[in-house]
N, C-alpha and C. Protein backbone atom coordinates (compact mmCIF):
# COMPACT_ATOMS: atom_id res chain seq x y z
N UNK A 1 0.85 -1.17 0.00
CA UNK A 1 0.00 0.00 0.00
C UNK A 1 0.90 1.24 0.00
N UNK A 2 0.54 2.19 -0.82
CA UNK A 2 1.37 3.39 -0.95
C UNK A 2 1.15 4.32 0.24
N UNK A 3 2.10 5.22 0.43
CA UNK A 3 2.00 6.19 1.53
C UNK A 3 0.79 7.10 1.34
N UNK A 4 0.48 7.44 0.09
CA UNK A 4 -0.66 8.30 -0.19
C UNK A 4 -1.97 7.61 0.22
N UNK A 5 -2.08 6.31 -0.04
CA UNK A 5 -3.27 5.56 0.35
C UNK A 5 -3.40 5.47 1.87
N UNK A 6 -2.25 5.25 2.55
CA UNK A 6 -2.26 5.21 4.02
C UNK A 6 -2.69 6.55 4.60
N UNK A 7 -2.18 7.64 4.03
CA UNK A 7 -2.56 8.98 4.51
C UNK A 7 -4.05 9.23 4.32
N UNK A 8 -4.59 8.76 3.21
CA UNK A 8 -6.02 8.92 2.95
C UNK A 8 -6.84 8.15 3.98
N UNK A 9 -6.41 6.93 4.29
CA UNK A 9 -7.11 6.12 5.29
C UNK A 9 -7.04 6.79 6.66
N UNK A 10 -5.88 7.29 7.04
CA UNK A 10 -5.73 7.98 8.33
C UNK A 10 -6.63 9.20 8.39
N UNK A 11 -6.70 9.93 7.30
CA UNK A 11 -7.55 11.12 7.25
C UNK A 11 -9.02 10.75 7.40
N UNK A 12 -9.45 9.70 6.71
CA UNK A 12 -10.84 9.26 6.82
C UNK A 12 -11.18 8.78 8.23
N UNK A 13 -10.26 8.06 8.85
CA UNK A 13 -10.47 7.60 10.23
C UNK A 13 -10.56 8.80 11.16
N UNK A 14 -9.70 9.78 10.97
CA UNK A 14 -9.73 11.00 11.79
C UNK A 14 -11.05 11.74 11.62
N UNK A 15 -11.54 11.83 10.40
CA UNK A 15 -12.81 12.51 10.14
C UNK A 15 -13.96 11.76 10.82
N UNK A 16 -13.97 10.45 10.72
CA UNK A 16 -15.03 9.64 11.34
C UNK A 16 -15.00 9.79 12.86
N UNK A 17 -13.82 9.71 13.45
CA UNK A 17 -13.69 9.88 14.90
C UNK A 17 -14.13 11.27 15.34
N UNK A 18 -13.76 12.27 14.56
CA UNK A 18 -14.17 13.65 14.88
C UNK A 18 -15.68 13.79 14.83
N UNK A 19 -16.31 13.17 13.84
CA UNK A 19 -17.77 13.24 13.73
C UNK A 19 -18.44 12.52 14.90
N UNK A 20 -17.90 11.39 15.33
CA UNK A 20 -18.45 10.68 16.47
C UNK A 20 -18.34 11.51 17.75
N UNK A 21 -17.20 12.15 17.94
CA UNK A 21 -17.01 13.02 19.11
C UNK A 21 -17.99 14.18 19.08
N UNK A 22 -18.19 14.76 17.91
CA UNK A 22 -19.12 15.88 17.77
C UNK A 22 -20.56 15.44 18.06
N UNK A 23 -20.94 14.27 17.59
CA UNK A 23 -22.28 13.75 17.87
C UNK A 23 -22.46 13.54 19.37
N UNK A 24 -21.47 12.96 20.03
CA UNK A 24 -21.55 12.70 21.46
C UNK A 24 -21.66 14.00 22.25
N UNK A 25 -20.95 15.03 21.83
CA UNK A 25 -20.92 16.30 22.57
C UNK A 25 -22.03 17.26 22.17
N UNK A 26 -22.78 16.96 21.13
CA UNK A 26 -23.75 17.94 20.61
C UNK A 26 -24.87 18.26 21.60
N UNK A 27 -25.40 17.28 22.32
CA UNK A 27 -26.50 17.55 23.24
C UNK A 27 -26.07 18.46 24.39
N UNK A 28 -24.98 18.15 25.11
CA UNK A 28 -24.59 19.07 26.18
C UNK A 28 -24.16 20.44 25.65
N UNK A 29 -23.52 20.47 24.49
CA UNK A 29 -23.12 21.76 23.93
C UNK A 29 -24.34 22.59 23.55
N UNK A 30 -25.36 21.97 22.97
CA UNK A 30 -26.57 22.70 22.61
C UNK A 30 -27.29 23.19 23.87
N UNK A 31 -27.32 22.37 24.91
CA UNK A 31 -27.95 22.77 26.16
C UNK A 31 -27.26 24.00 26.74
N UNK A 32 -25.94 24.00 26.73
CA UNK A 32 -25.18 25.16 27.22
C UNK A 32 -25.46 26.38 26.35
N UNK A 33 -25.47 26.19 25.05
CA UNK A 33 -25.75 27.28 24.12
C UNK A 33 -27.12 27.90 24.40
N UNK A 34 -28.14 27.05 24.61
CA UNK A 34 -29.49 27.55 24.87
C UNK A 34 -29.57 28.31 26.19
N UNK A 35 -28.88 27.80 27.22
CA UNK A 35 -28.89 28.49 28.51
C UNK A 35 -28.21 29.84 28.44
N UNK A 36 -27.12 29.92 27.70
CA UNK A 36 -26.36 31.17 27.61
C UNK A 36 -27.08 32.20 26.75
N UNK A 37 -27.63 31.78 25.63
CA UNK A 37 -28.21 32.73 24.68
C UNK A 37 -29.71 32.92 24.81
N UNK A 38 -30.40 31.97 25.48
CA UNK A 38 -31.86 32.04 25.54
C UNK A 38 -32.51 31.56 24.26
N UNK A 39 -31.72 31.04 23.34
CA UNK A 39 -32.24 30.54 22.07
C UNK A 39 -32.94 29.21 22.27
N UNK A 40 -33.88 28.90 21.43
CA UNK A 40 -34.52 27.58 21.45
C UNK A 40 -35.61 27.44 22.49
N UNK A 41 -36.19 28.53 22.94
CA UNK A 41 -37.28 28.45 23.90
C UNK A 41 -36.84 28.07 25.29
N UNK A 42 -35.59 28.29 25.62
CA UNK A 42 -35.08 27.95 26.93
C UNK A 42 -35.79 28.77 28.00
N UNK A 43 -36.28 28.10 29.01
CA UNK A 43 -36.98 28.75 30.10
C UNK A 43 -35.97 29.21 31.13
N UNK A 44 -36.12 30.44 31.61
CA UNK A 44 -35.24 30.92 32.67
C UNK A 44 -35.67 30.31 33.99
N UNK A 45 -34.73 30.12 34.90
CA UNK A 45 -35.07 29.62 36.23
C UNK A 45 -35.08 30.79 37.20
N UNK A 46 -35.92 30.68 38.23
CA UNK A 46 -36.07 31.79 39.15
C UNK A 46 -36.34 31.25 40.54
N UNK A 47 -35.94 32.02 41.56
CA UNK A 47 -36.24 31.66 42.94
C UNK A 47 -37.28 32.61 43.52
N UNK A 48 -37.68 33.64 42.77
CA UNK A 48 -38.70 34.57 43.23
C UNK A 48 -39.83 34.63 42.21
N UNK A 49 -40.98 35.02 42.67
CA UNK A 49 -42.12 35.15 41.76
C UNK A 49 -42.26 36.60 41.32
N UNK A 50 -42.89 36.80 40.21
CA UNK A 50 -43.13 38.13 39.68
C UNK A 50 -44.24 38.78 40.51
N UNK A 51 -44.07 40.01 41.00
CA UNK A 51 -45.07 40.63 41.85
C UNK A 51 -46.32 41.10 41.11
N UNK A 52 -46.21 41.53 39.86
CA UNK A 52 -47.35 42.09 39.14
C UNK A 52 -47.99 41.03 38.25
N UNK A 53 -49.30 40.93 38.37
CA UNK A 53 -50.04 40.01 37.50
C UNK A 53 -50.63 40.80 36.34
N UNK A 54 -50.45 40.27 35.15
CA UNK A 54 -51.03 40.92 33.98
C UNK A 54 -52.51 40.59 33.87
N UNK A 55 -53.17 41.21 32.92
CA UNK A 55 -54.60 40.97 32.71
C UNK A 55 -54.86 39.93 31.63
N UNK A 56 -53.89 39.70 30.78
CA UNK A 56 -54.05 38.74 29.70
C UNK A 56 -54.04 37.32 30.26
N UNK A 57 -54.89 36.47 29.74
CA UNK A 57 -54.90 35.06 30.15
C UNK A 57 -54.20 34.25 29.06
N UNK A 58 -53.24 33.45 29.48
CA UNK A 58 -52.44 32.65 28.55
C UNK A 58 -52.75 31.18 28.77
N UNK A 59 -52.98 30.46 27.69
CA UNK A 59 -53.22 29.02 27.77
C UNK A 59 -51.90 28.30 27.53
N UNK A 60 -51.53 27.44 28.47
CA UNK A 60 -50.28 26.67 28.37
C UNK A 60 -50.64 25.20 28.21
N UNK A 61 -50.18 24.61 27.12
CA UNK A 61 -50.40 23.18 26.87
C UNK A 61 -49.14 22.41 27.26
N UNK A 62 -49.32 21.23 27.81
CA UNK A 62 -48.21 20.41 28.26
C UNK A 62 -48.04 19.19 27.35
N UNK A 63 -46.80 18.84 27.12
CA UNK A 63 -46.46 17.74 26.24
C UNK A 63 -45.52 16.80 27.00
N UNK A 64 -45.49 15.54 26.61
CA UNK A 64 -44.61 14.59 27.28
C UNK A 64 -44.13 13.53 26.29
N UNK A 65 -43.34 13.93 25.33
CA UNK A 65 -42.74 12.96 24.42
C UNK A 65 -41.58 12.28 25.12
N UNK A 66 -41.43 10.98 24.90
CA UNK A 66 -40.29 10.28 25.49
C UNK A 66 -39.55 9.50 24.42
N UNK A 67 -38.28 9.24 24.70
CA UNK A 67 -37.46 8.44 23.81
C UNK A 67 -38.06 7.04 23.75
N UNK A 68 -38.15 6.48 22.56
CA UNK A 68 -38.77 5.16 22.41
C UNK A 68 -38.01 4.07 23.14
N UNK A 69 -36.75 4.32 23.50
CA UNK A 69 -35.96 3.32 24.21
C UNK A 69 -36.10 3.45 25.73
N UNK A 70 -36.77 4.50 26.22
CA UNK A 70 -36.98 4.66 27.66
C UNK A 70 -38.27 3.94 28.03
N UNK A 71 -38.18 2.86 28.82
CA UNK A 71 -39.36 2.06 29.13
C UNK A 71 -40.22 2.68 30.25
N UNK A 72 -40.70 3.87 30.02
CA UNK A 72 -41.53 4.59 30.98
C UNK A 72 -42.85 4.96 30.34
N UNK A 73 -43.86 5.12 31.19
CA UNK A 73 -45.05 5.89 30.84
C UNK A 73 -44.79 7.27 31.44
N UNK A 74 -45.05 8.31 30.68
CA UNK A 74 -44.77 9.67 31.16
C UNK A 74 -45.80 10.61 30.54
N UNK A 75 -46.53 11.32 31.39
CA UNK A 75 -47.57 12.20 30.86
C UNK A 75 -47.94 13.27 31.90
N UNK A 76 -48.45 14.42 31.43
CA UNK A 76 -48.91 15.45 32.36
C UNK A 76 -50.27 15.05 32.93
N UNK A 77 -50.53 15.45 34.20
CA UNK A 77 -51.84 15.15 34.79
C UNK A 77 -52.96 15.89 34.08
N UNK A 78 -52.67 17.09 33.60
CA UNK A 78 -53.66 17.87 32.86
C UNK A 78 -53.06 18.26 31.51
N UNK A 79 -53.87 18.33 30.46
CA UNK A 79 -53.31 18.65 29.15
C UNK A 79 -52.94 20.13 28.99
N UNK A 80 -53.60 21.01 29.76
CA UNK A 80 -53.29 22.43 29.67
C UNK A 80 -53.78 23.15 30.93
N UNK A 81 -53.34 24.39 31.10
CA UNK A 81 -53.81 25.27 32.16
C UNK A 81 -53.79 26.69 31.64
N UNK A 82 -54.38 27.59 32.38
CA UNK A 82 -54.35 29.01 32.01
C UNK A 82 -53.69 29.79 33.13
N UNK A 83 -52.94 30.82 32.77
CA UNK A 83 -52.27 31.68 33.74
C UNK A 83 -52.32 33.12 33.25
N UNK A 84 -52.12 34.02 34.20
CA UNK A 84 -51.92 35.43 33.86
C UNK A 84 -50.41 35.68 33.95
N UNK A 85 -49.87 36.59 33.15
CA UNK A 85 -48.43 36.89 33.25
C UNK A 85 -48.05 37.26 34.69
N UNK A 86 -47.01 36.61 35.20
CA UNK A 86 -46.54 36.84 36.56
C UNK A 86 -47.13 35.89 37.58
N UNK A 87 -48.16 35.15 37.21
CA UNK A 87 -48.79 34.20 38.12
C UNK A 87 -47.98 32.91 38.17
N UNK A 88 -47.85 32.36 39.38
CA UNK A 88 -47.14 31.09 39.53
C UNK A 88 -48.17 29.96 39.56
N UNK A 89 -47.87 28.88 38.87
CA UNK A 89 -48.79 27.74 38.78
C UNK A 89 -48.01 26.47 39.09
N UNK A 90 -48.65 25.52 39.74
CA UNK A 90 -48.03 24.23 40.04
C UNK A 90 -48.80 23.16 39.28
N UNK A 91 -48.09 22.38 38.48
CA UNK A 91 -48.71 21.27 37.76
C UNK A 91 -47.86 20.02 38.00
N UNK A 92 -48.40 18.87 37.64
CA UNK A 92 -47.72 17.61 37.91
C UNK A 92 -47.66 16.73 36.67
N UNK A 93 -46.57 16.01 36.56
CA UNK A 93 -46.42 14.95 35.56
C UNK A 93 -46.39 13.63 36.31
N UNK A 94 -46.83 12.58 35.65
CA UNK A 94 -46.76 11.23 36.22
C UNK A 94 -45.78 10.40 35.40
N UNK A 95 -45.02 9.57 36.11
CA UNK A 95 -44.07 8.69 35.44
C UNK A 95 -44.18 7.30 36.05
N UNK A 96 -43.97 6.30 35.21
CA UNK A 96 -44.02 4.91 35.67
C UNK A 96 -42.94 4.12 34.95
N UNK A 97 -42.11 3.42 35.73
CA UNK A 97 -41.10 2.52 35.18
C UNK A 97 -41.79 1.20 34.83
N UNK A 98 -41.71 0.79 33.59
CA UNK A 98 -42.40 -0.42 33.13
C UNK A 98 -41.54 -1.68 33.21
N UNK A 99 -40.35 -1.57 33.81
CA UNK A 99 -39.43 -2.71 33.84
C UNK A 99 -39.17 -3.16 35.27
N UNK A 100 -38.45 -4.27 35.39
CA UNK A 100 -38.05 -4.78 36.70
C UNK A 100 -36.63 -4.34 37.05
N UNK A 101 -36.16 -3.26 36.44
CA UNK A 101 -34.82 -2.72 36.70
C UNK A 101 -34.92 -1.24 37.02
N UNK A 102 -33.87 -0.71 37.67
CA UNK A 102 -33.79 0.73 37.89
C UNK A 102 -33.53 1.40 36.54
N UNK A 103 -34.27 2.45 36.25
CA UNK A 103 -34.11 3.16 34.98
C UNK A 103 -34.06 4.66 35.27
N UNK A 104 -33.07 5.34 34.66
CA UNK A 104 -32.94 6.78 34.83
C UNK A 104 -33.26 7.50 33.53
N UNK A 105 -33.80 8.69 33.68
CA UNK A 105 -34.10 9.53 32.53
C UNK A 105 -34.02 10.99 32.95
N UNK A 106 -33.84 11.84 31.97
CA UNK A 106 -33.80 13.28 32.26
C UNK A 106 -34.67 14.00 31.25
N UNK A 107 -35.57 14.81 31.76
CA UNK A 107 -36.46 15.58 30.90
C UNK A 107 -35.74 16.80 30.35
N UNK A 108 -36.10 17.16 29.15
CA UNK A 108 -35.60 18.38 28.53
C UNK A 108 -36.83 19.23 28.25
N UNK A 109 -36.88 20.40 28.86
CA UNK A 109 -38.06 21.24 28.67
C UNK A 109 -37.84 22.23 27.54
N UNK A 110 -38.94 22.66 26.98
CA UNK A 110 -38.88 23.60 25.88
C UNK A 110 -40.18 24.37 25.85
N UNK A 111 -40.13 25.58 25.36
CA UNK A 111 -41.32 26.42 25.23
C UNK A 111 -41.43 26.85 23.78
N UNK A 112 -42.62 26.67 23.21
CA UNK A 112 -42.86 27.16 21.85
C UNK A 112 -44.14 27.98 21.86
N UNK A 113 -44.26 28.99 21.06
CA UNK A 113 -43.24 29.46 20.13
C UNK A 113 -42.03 30.00 20.89
N UNK A 114 -40.87 29.92 20.25
CA UNK A 114 -39.60 30.24 20.89
C UNK A 114 -39.57 31.64 21.50
N UNK A 115 -40.23 32.58 20.87
CA UNK A 115 -40.13 33.97 21.33
C UNK A 115 -40.79 34.18 22.70
N UNK A 116 -41.63 33.25 23.17
CA UNK A 116 -42.23 33.42 24.49
C UNK A 116 -41.43 32.75 25.61
N UNK A 117 -40.41 31.97 25.26
CA UNK A 117 -39.60 31.28 26.26
C UNK A 117 -39.01 32.21 27.30
N UNK A 118 -38.65 33.42 26.91
CA UNK A 118 -38.03 34.36 27.86
C UNK A 118 -39.01 34.85 28.91
N UNK A 119 -40.31 34.63 28.73
CA UNK A 119 -41.30 35.09 29.70
C UNK A 119 -41.66 34.03 30.73
N UNK A 120 -41.09 32.84 30.62
CA UNK A 120 -41.38 31.76 31.57
C UNK A 120 -40.23 31.62 32.55
N UNK A 121 -40.55 31.53 33.83
CA UNK A 121 -39.56 31.29 34.88
C UNK A 121 -39.93 30.00 35.60
N UNK A 122 -39.03 29.04 35.58
CA UNK A 122 -39.27 27.80 36.32
C UNK A 122 -38.68 27.98 37.71
N UNK A 123 -39.51 27.76 38.73
CA UNK A 123 -39.05 27.86 40.11
C UNK A 123 -38.58 26.50 40.59
N UNK A 124 -39.36 25.47 40.28
CA UNK A 124 -39.01 24.10 40.66
C UNK A 124 -39.45 23.17 39.54
N UNK A 125 -38.60 22.22 39.20
CA UNK A 125 -38.94 21.29 38.13
C UNK A 125 -38.12 20.01 38.25
N UNK A 126 -38.77 18.89 38.03
CA UNK A 126 -38.07 17.61 38.01
C UNK A 126 -37.07 17.56 36.86
N UNK A 127 -37.24 18.45 35.89
CA UNK A 127 -36.38 18.44 34.71
C UNK A 127 -34.99 19.04 34.99
N UNK A 128 -34.77 19.57 36.18
CA UNK A 128 -33.46 20.12 36.52
C UNK A 128 -32.43 19.02 36.81
N UNK A 129 -32.90 17.83 37.17
CA UNK A 129 -31.99 16.74 37.54
C UNK A 129 -32.45 15.42 36.91
N UNK A 130 -31.53 14.47 36.86
CA UNK A 130 -31.86 13.13 36.35
C UNK A 130 -32.79 12.44 37.35
N UNK A 131 -33.79 11.75 36.83
CA UNK A 131 -34.75 11.03 37.66
C UNK A 131 -34.51 9.53 37.51
N UNK A 132 -34.43 8.83 38.64
CA UNK A 132 -34.26 7.37 38.62
C UNK A 132 -35.48 6.74 39.26
N UNK A 133 -36.09 5.82 38.55
CA UNK A 133 -37.25 5.11 39.07
C UNK A 133 -36.86 3.66 39.34
N UNK A 134 -37.27 3.16 40.50
CA UNK A 134 -37.01 1.77 40.83
C UNK A 134 -37.97 0.88 40.03
N UNK A 135 -37.76 -0.44 40.05
CA UNK A 135 -38.60 -1.33 39.25
C UNK A 135 -40.10 -1.11 39.50
N UNK A 136 -40.84 -0.89 38.43
CA UNK A 136 -42.29 -0.72 38.43
C UNK A 136 -42.78 0.47 39.28
N UNK A 137 -41.88 1.35 39.64
CA UNK A 137 -42.26 2.51 40.46
C UNK A 137 -43.13 3.48 39.66
N UNK A 138 -44.13 4.03 40.35
CA UNK A 138 -44.96 5.11 39.81
C UNK A 138 -44.67 6.33 40.67
N UNK A 139 -44.57 7.50 40.05
CA UNK A 139 -44.29 8.71 40.81
C UNK A 139 -44.98 9.91 40.20
N UNK A 140 -45.11 10.95 41.02
CA UNK A 140 -45.68 12.22 40.58
C UNK A 140 -44.56 13.25 40.67
N UNK A 141 -44.38 14.02 39.60
CA UNK A 141 -43.29 15.00 39.52
C UNK A 141 -43.86 16.40 39.33
N UNK A 142 -43.51 17.34 40.25
CA UNK A 142 -44.06 18.69 40.16
C UNK A 142 -43.25 19.62 39.25
N UNK A 143 -43.95 20.59 38.68
CA UNK A 143 -43.33 21.68 37.92
C UNK A 143 -43.99 22.96 38.38
N UNK A 144 -43.19 23.95 38.73
CA UNK A 144 -43.72 25.23 39.16
C UNK A 144 -43.00 26.34 38.45
């Protein structure tokens, strides 16, 4: 095999490895990007509530898509709620592990349309940390 052919093989292997590394790092990098820039409907987190309530009533719909490989049932207790700007609301999601093993998952929240994401403040959410359910465990998870 010629040196030119070996160099081509090395280059292709390097490109493939680089692409694999980029795929592996893309989710955490995108998460950091969204937190820093507010892009992608990222919800801000807050420890205080807004003092002024607006007059407009906003309808918020809840979604619960899960990865097909995560053996859980996961859904919001209510499909939607209404709030006024600045009002704090507490809602719950339900999760159930369908296996006889411990299974962990982490929720990724998003707000659409993207331009309204900056108006939402999450005070408490199960989506801030990884959730581990024991075999066949059912649980209720709050979001505020």
